[in-house]
Amino acid sequence: MNTGVPASAYLALALILFCIGLYGALTKRNTVIVLISIELMLNAVNINLVTFSKFGLTPSIDGQIFTLFAMAVAAAEASVGLAILISLYRNRKTVNIDEMDIMKN
């Protein structure tokens, strides 16, 4: 008898995290908050991958391996995003998304 946490609890957690991240990415104007929100959405996807890896029709370790690769890509994305943000801040002296129109000039 399995008395562990059901898959629906993991999926509900991932749904809540993804919705919070989506809300932050669409409504906030601070670039740092938007980057954090995107990372939150990626973590929700990783929770789904691990959940379906464990509770899927054919449980295997494939979802967990894919999650590790996704986490590596997310870490690289975060470092590149922060480097671009620091560069833009040095030039514009702001982290407001509405004022990041450097390509228009």
N, C-alpha and C. Protein backbone atom coordinates (compact mmCIF):
# COMPACT_ATOMS: atom_id res chain seq x y z
N MET A 1 0.84 -1.18 0.00
CA MET A 1 0.00 0.00 0.00
C MET A 1 0.89 1.24 0.00
N ASN A 2 0.66 2.12 -0.98
CA ASN A 2 1.45 3.33 -1.12
C ASN A 2 0.74 4.47 -0.40
N THR A 3 1.35 5.00 0.64
CA THR A 3 0.75 6.10 1.40
C THR A 3 1.49 7.40 1.15
N GLY A 4 2.20 7.49 0.03
CA GLY A 4 2.96 8.69 -0.30
C GLY A 4 2.07 9.82 -0.79
N VAL A 5 2.70 10.86 -1.21
CA VAL A 5 1.99 12.04 -1.72
C VAL A 5 1.42 11.70 -3.10
N PRO A 6 0.15 11.98 -3.34
CA PRO A 6 -0.45 11.66 -4.65
C PRO A 6 0.05 12.61 -5.74
N ALA A 7 -0.09 12.16 -6.97
CA ALA A 7 0.38 12.96 -8.12
C ALA A 7 -0.40 14.27 -8.22
N SER A 8 -1.64 14.26 -7.82
CA SER A 8 -2.45 15.49 -7.92
C SER A 8 -1.90 16.61 -7.04
N ALA A 9 -1.28 16.27 -5.93
CA ALA A 9 -0.68 17.29 -5.06
C ALA A 9 0.51 17.95 -5.76
N TYR A 10 1.35 17.14 -6.41
CA TYR A 10 2.48 17.70 -7.16
C TYR A 10 2.00 18.57 -8.32
N LEU A 11 0.97 18.10 -9.01
CA LEU A 11 0.44 18.86 -10.14
C LEU A 11 -0.21 20.15 -9.69
N ALA A 12 -0.88 20.13 -8.55
CA ALA A 12 -1.48 21.35 -8.01
C ALA A 12 -0.39 22.35 -7.62
N LEU A 13 0.68 21.86 -7.00
CA LEU A 13 1.80 22.74 -6.65
C LEU A 13 2.41 23.37 -7.89
N ALA A 14 2.60 22.56 -8.92
CA ALA A 14 3.17 23.08 -10.17
C ALA A 14 2.25 24.11 -10.80
N LEU A 15 0.95 23.86 -10.74
CA LEU A 15 -0.02 24.80 -11.29
C LEU A 15 0.03 26.14 -10.56
N ILE A 16 0.09 26.09 -9.25
CA ILE A 16 0.14 27.31 -8.45
C ILE A 16 1.43 28.08 -8.74
N LEU A 17 2.56 27.38 -8.78
CA LEU A 17 3.83 28.04 -9.08
C LEU A 17 3.83 28.67 -10.48
N PHE A 18 3.29 27.93 -11.45
CA PHE A 18 3.26 28.45 -12.80
C PHE A 18 2.37 29.68 -12.90
N CYS A 19 1.23 29.66 -12.23
CA CYS A 19 0.32 30.81 -12.27
C CYS A 19 0.95 32.04 -11.59
N ILE A 20 1.62 31.84 -10.48
CA ILE A 20 2.31 32.95 -9.82
C ILE A 20 3.40 33.52 -10.73
N GLY A 21 4.16 32.64 -11.37
CA GLY A 21 5.20 33.09 -12.29
C GLY A 21 4.63 33.81 -13.50
N LEU A 22 3.54 33.30 -14.04
CA LEU A 22 2.91 33.95 -15.19
C LEU A 22 2.37 35.33 -14.81
N TYR A 23 1.76 35.43 -13.66
CA TYR A 23 1.27 36.71 -13.18
C TYR A 23 2.42 37.71 -13.03
N GLY A 24 3.52 37.27 -12.43
CA GLY A 24 4.67 38.15 -12.26
C GLY A 24 5.29 38.56 -13.57
N ALA A 25 5.36 37.65 -14.52
CA ALA A 25 5.99 37.96 -15.80
C ALA A 25 5.13 38.92 -16.63
N LEU A 26 3.82 38.84 -16.49
CA LEU A 26 2.94 39.67 -17.31
C LEU A 26 2.60 41.02 -16.68
N THR A 27 2.68 41.14 -15.37
CA THR A 27 2.22 42.37 -14.74
C THR A 27 3.33 43.25 -14.18
N LYS A 28 4.45 42.70 -13.83
CA LYS A 28 5.49 43.49 -13.19
C LYS A 28 6.33 44.23 -14.23
N ARG A 29 6.88 45.37 -13.85
CA ARG A 29 7.69 46.19 -14.75
C ARG A 29 9.17 46.14 -14.39
N ASN A 30 9.52 45.50 -13.29
CA ASN A 30 10.92 45.38 -12.90
C ASN A 30 11.51 44.16 -13.59
N THR A 31 12.62 44.34 -14.27
CA THR A 31 13.22 43.26 -15.05
C THR A 31 13.67 42.10 -14.17
N VAL A 32 14.17 42.40 -12.98
CA VAL A 32 14.63 41.34 -12.08
C VAL A 32 13.44 40.47 -11.66
N ILE A 33 12.31 41.10 -11.35
CA ILE A 33 11.11 40.35 -10.96
C ILE A 33 10.62 39.49 -12.11
N VAL A 34 10.69 40.02 -13.34
CA VAL A 34 10.26 39.24 -14.51
C VAL A 34 11.17 38.02 -14.69
N LEU A 35 12.48 38.18 -14.52
CA LEU A 35 13.40 37.04 -14.64
C LEU A 35 13.13 36.00 -13.56
N ILE A 36 12.86 36.45 -12.35
CA ILE A 36 12.53 35.52 -11.26
C ILE A 36 11.23 34.79 -11.56
N SER A 37 10.26 35.50 -12.13
CA SER A 37 8.97 34.88 -12.48
C SER A 37 9.15 33.81 -13.55
N ILE A 38 10.01 34.08 -14.52
CA ILE A 38 10.28 33.08 -15.56
C ILE A 38 10.94 31.85 -14.96
N GLU A 39 11.86 32.05 -14.04
CA GLU A 39 12.49 30.91 -13.37
C GLU A 39 11.46 30.11 -12.56
N LEU A 40 10.51 30.80 -11.96
CA LEU A 40 9.45 30.12 -11.22
C LEU A 40 8.61 29.26 -12.14
N MET A 41 8.32 29.77 -13.33
CA MET A 41 7.56 28.99 -14.31
C MET A 41 8.37 27.77 -14.78
N LEU A 42 9.67 27.93 -14.98
CA LEU A 42 10.50 26.80 -15.38
C LEU A 42 10.55 25.74 -14.28
N ASN A 43 10.58 26.16 -13.02
CA ASN A 43 10.58 25.20 -11.92
C ASN A 43 9.25 24.44 -11.85
N ALA A 44 8.16 25.11 -12.18
CA ALA A 44 6.87 24.43 -12.21
C ALA A 44 6.86 23.35 -13.29
N VAL A 45 7.46 23.66 -14.43
CA VAL A 45 7.56 22.66 -15.50
C VAL A 45 8.43 21.49 -15.05
N ASN A 46 9.51 21.78 -14.34
CA ASN A 46 10.37 20.71 -13.84
C ASN A 46 9.63 19.81 -12.86
N ILE A 47 8.78 20.38 -12.02
CA ILE A 47 7.98 19.58 -11.10
C ILE A 47 7.06 18.65 -11.88
N ASN A 48 6.46 19.19 -12.95
CA ASN A 48 5.60 18.34 -13.79
C ASN A 48 6.39 17.21 -14.44
N LEU A 49 7.58 17.49 -14.93
CA LEU A 49 8.40 16.45 -15.56
C LEU A 49 8.73 15.33 -14.58
N VAL A 50 9.13 15.70 -13.37
CA VAL A 50 9.48 14.68 -12.38
C VAL A 50 8.23 13.92 -11.94
N THR A 51 7.10 14.61 -11.82
CA THR A 51 5.85 13.95 -11.42
C THR A 51 5.44 12.90 -12.44
N PHE A 52 5.44 13.29 -13.71
CA PHE A 52 5.04 12.33 -14.74
C PHE A 52 6.10 11.26 -14.95
N SER A 53 7.34 11.56 -14.60
CA SER A 53 8.37 10.53 -14.65
C SER A 53 8.11 9.45 -13.59
N LYS A 54 7.61 9.87 -12.44
CA LYS A 54 7.37 8.92 -11.36
C LYS A 54 6.00 8.24 -11.47
N PHE A 55 4.96 9.02 -11.82
CA PHE A 55 3.60 8.50 -11.80
C PHE A 55 3.03 8.22 -13.19
N GLY A 56 3.83 8.31 -14.24
CA GLY A 56 3.32 8.12 -15.59
C GLY A 56 2.92 6.68 -15.88
N LEU A 57 2.48 6.45 -17.11
CA LEU A 57 2.07 5.11 -17.51
C LEU A 57 3.23 4.13 -17.45
N THR A 58 4.40 4.60 -17.86
CA THR A 58 5.62 3.78 -17.78
C THR A 58 6.65 4.54 -16.96
N PRO A 59 6.63 4.38 -15.64
CA PRO A 59 7.57 5.13 -14.79
C PRO A 59 9.02 4.83 -15.16
N SER A 60 9.77 5.88 -15.37
CA SER A 60 11.19 5.74 -15.69
C SER A 60 11.92 6.97 -15.19
N ILE A 61 13.20 7.02 -15.46
CA ILE A 61 14.03 8.13 -14.99
C ILE A 61 14.19 9.19 -16.08
N ASP A 62 13.54 9.02 -17.22
CA ASP A 62 13.70 9.95 -18.34
C ASP A 62 13.30 11.37 -17.98
N GLY A 63 12.19 11.55 -17.29
CA GLY A 63 11.75 12.89 -16.91
C GLY A 63 12.72 13.57 -15.96
N GLN A 64 13.31 12.78 -15.08
CA GLN A 64 14.28 13.36 -14.14
C GLN A 64 15.55 13.78 -14.85
N ILE A 65 15.98 13.01 -15.83
CA ILE A 65 17.17 13.38 -16.61
C ILE A 65 16.89 14.63 -17.42
N PHE A 66 15.71 14.69 -18.04
CA PHE A 66 15.34 15.87 -18.81
C PHE A 66 15.25 17.10 -17.91
N THR A 67 14.80 16.90 -16.66
CA THR A 67 14.74 18.00 -15.70
C THR A 67 16.13 18.52 -15.38
N LEU A 68 17.08 17.63 -15.24
CA LEU A 68 18.46 18.08 -14.98
C LEU A 68 19.00 18.93 -16.13
N PHE A 69 18.73 18.51 -17.37
CA PHE A 69 19.15 19.32 -18.51
C PHE A 69 18.41 20.65 -18.54
N ALA A 70 17.13 20.65 -18.21
CA ALA A 70 16.35 21.89 -18.19
C ALA A 70 16.88 22.84 -17.12
N MET A 71 17.29 22.30 -15.98
CA MET A 71 17.85 23.14 -14.93
C MET A 71 19.18 23.75 -15.36
N ALA A 72 19.99 22.99 -16.09
CA ALA A 72 21.26 23.52 -16.59
C ALA A 72 21.02 24.64 -17.60
N VAL A 73 20.06 24.45 -18.48
CA VAL A 73 19.72 25.49 -19.46
C VAL A 73 19.15 26.71 -18.75
N ALA A 74 18.33 26.50 -17.71
CA ALA A 74 17.76 27.61 -16.96
C ALA A 74 18.84 28.40 -16.24
N ALA A 75 19.85 27.72 -15.72
CA ALA A 75 20.95 28.42 -15.06
C ALA A 75 21.74 29.26 -16.06
N ALA A 76 21.98 28.72 -17.24
CA ALA A 76 22.67 29.49 -18.28
C ALA A 76 21.81 30.68 -18.72
N GLU A 77 20.52 30.47 -18.85
CA GLU A 77 19.60 31.55 -19.24
C GLU A 77 19.59 32.64 -18.19
N ALA A 78 19.59 32.27 -16.93
CA ALA A 78 19.58 33.27 -15.86
C ALA A 78 20.87 34.08 -15.85
N SER A 79 22.00 33.42 -16.06
CA SER A 79 23.26 34.16 -16.05
C SER A 79 23.36 35.10 -17.24
N VAL A 80 22.93 34.68 -18.41
CA VAL A 80 22.94 35.55 -19.59
C VAL A 80 21.95 36.70 -19.40
N GLY A 81 20.77 36.40 -18.87
CA GLY A 81 19.79 37.44 -18.63
C GLY A 81 20.28 38.49 -17.64
N LEU A 82 20.92 38.05 -16.57
CA LEU A 82 21.46 39.00 -15.60
C LEU A 82 22.62 39.81 -16.19
N ALA A 83 23.43 39.19 -17.04
CA ALA A 83 24.52 39.93 -17.67
C ALA A 83 23.96 41.02 -18.60
N ILE A 84 22.93 40.69 -19.35
CA ILE A 84 22.29 41.69 -20.21
C ILE A 84 21.65 42.78 -19.37
N LEU A 85 21.02 42.40 -18.27
CA LEU A 85 20.39 43.37 -17.39
C LEU A 85 21.42 44.33 -16.79
N ILE A 86 22.55 43.81 -16.34
CA ILE A 86 23.60 44.67 -15.78
C ILE A 86 24.13 45.62 -16.83
N SER A 87 24.31 45.13 -18.05
CA SER A 87 24.78 45.99 -19.14
C SER A 87 23.78 47.10 -19.44
N LEU A 88 22.50 46.75 -19.51
CA LEU A 88 21.49 47.77 -19.75
C LEU A 88 21.39 48.75 -18.60
N TYR A 89 21.56 48.28 -17.37
CA TYR A 89 21.50 49.17 -16.23
C TYR A 89 22.65 50.17 -16.25
N ARG A 90 23.81 49.72 -16.66
CA ARG A 90 24.95 50.64 -16.74
C ARG A 90 24.71 51.73 -17.77
N ASN A 91 24.02 51.41 -18.85
CA ASN A 91 23.76 52.40 -19.89
C ASN A 91 22.55 53.27 -19.59
N ARG A 92 21.48 52.69 -19.07
CA ARG A 92 20.21 53.40 -18.89
C ARG A 92 19.94 53.84 -17.45
N LYS A 93 20.63 53.29 -16.48
CA LYS A 93 20.44 53.58 -15.06
C LYS A 93 19.03 53.25 -14.57
N THR A 94 18.42 52.23 -15.17
CA THR A 94 17.10 51.77 -14.73
C THR A 94 16.94 50.29 -15.06
N VAL A 95 16.05 49.63 -14.31
CA VAL A 95 15.72 48.24 -14.60
C VAL A 95 14.24 48.11 -14.96
N ASN A 96 13.60 49.23 -15.29
CA ASN A 96 12.19 49.24 -15.68
C ASN A 96 12.07 48.75 -17.12
N ILE A 97 11.19 47.80 -17.35
CA ILE A 97 11.03 47.20 -18.68
C ILE A 97 10.54 48.23 -19.69
N ASP A 98 9.68 49.14 -19.26
CA ASP A 98 9.12 50.12 -20.19
C ASP A 98 10.19 51.04 -20.77
N GLU A 99 11.29 51.20 -20.09
CA GLU A 99 12.35 52.09 -20.56
C GLU A 99 13.48 51.35 -21.27
N MET A 100 13.32 50.06 -21.49
CA MET A 100 14.33 49.26 -22.18
C MET A 100 14.03 49.20 -23.68
N ASP A 101 14.16 50.32 -24.34
CA ASP A 101 13.88 50.40 -25.78
C ASP A 101 15.13 50.80 -26.54
N ILE A 102 16.25 50.22 -26.17
CA ILE A 102 17.54 50.58 -26.76
C ILE A 102 17.62 50.23 -28.24
N MET A 103 16.84 49.23 -28.70
CA MET A 103 16.88 48.85 -30.10
C MET A 103 16.12 49.83 -30.99
N LYS A 104 15.29 50.67 -30.42
CA LYS A 104 14.50 51.61 -31.21
C LYS A 104 15.34 52.77 -31.73
N ASN A 105 16.42 53.10 -31.06
CA ASN A 105 17.24 54.26 -31.46
C ASN A 105 18.31 53.90 -32.44
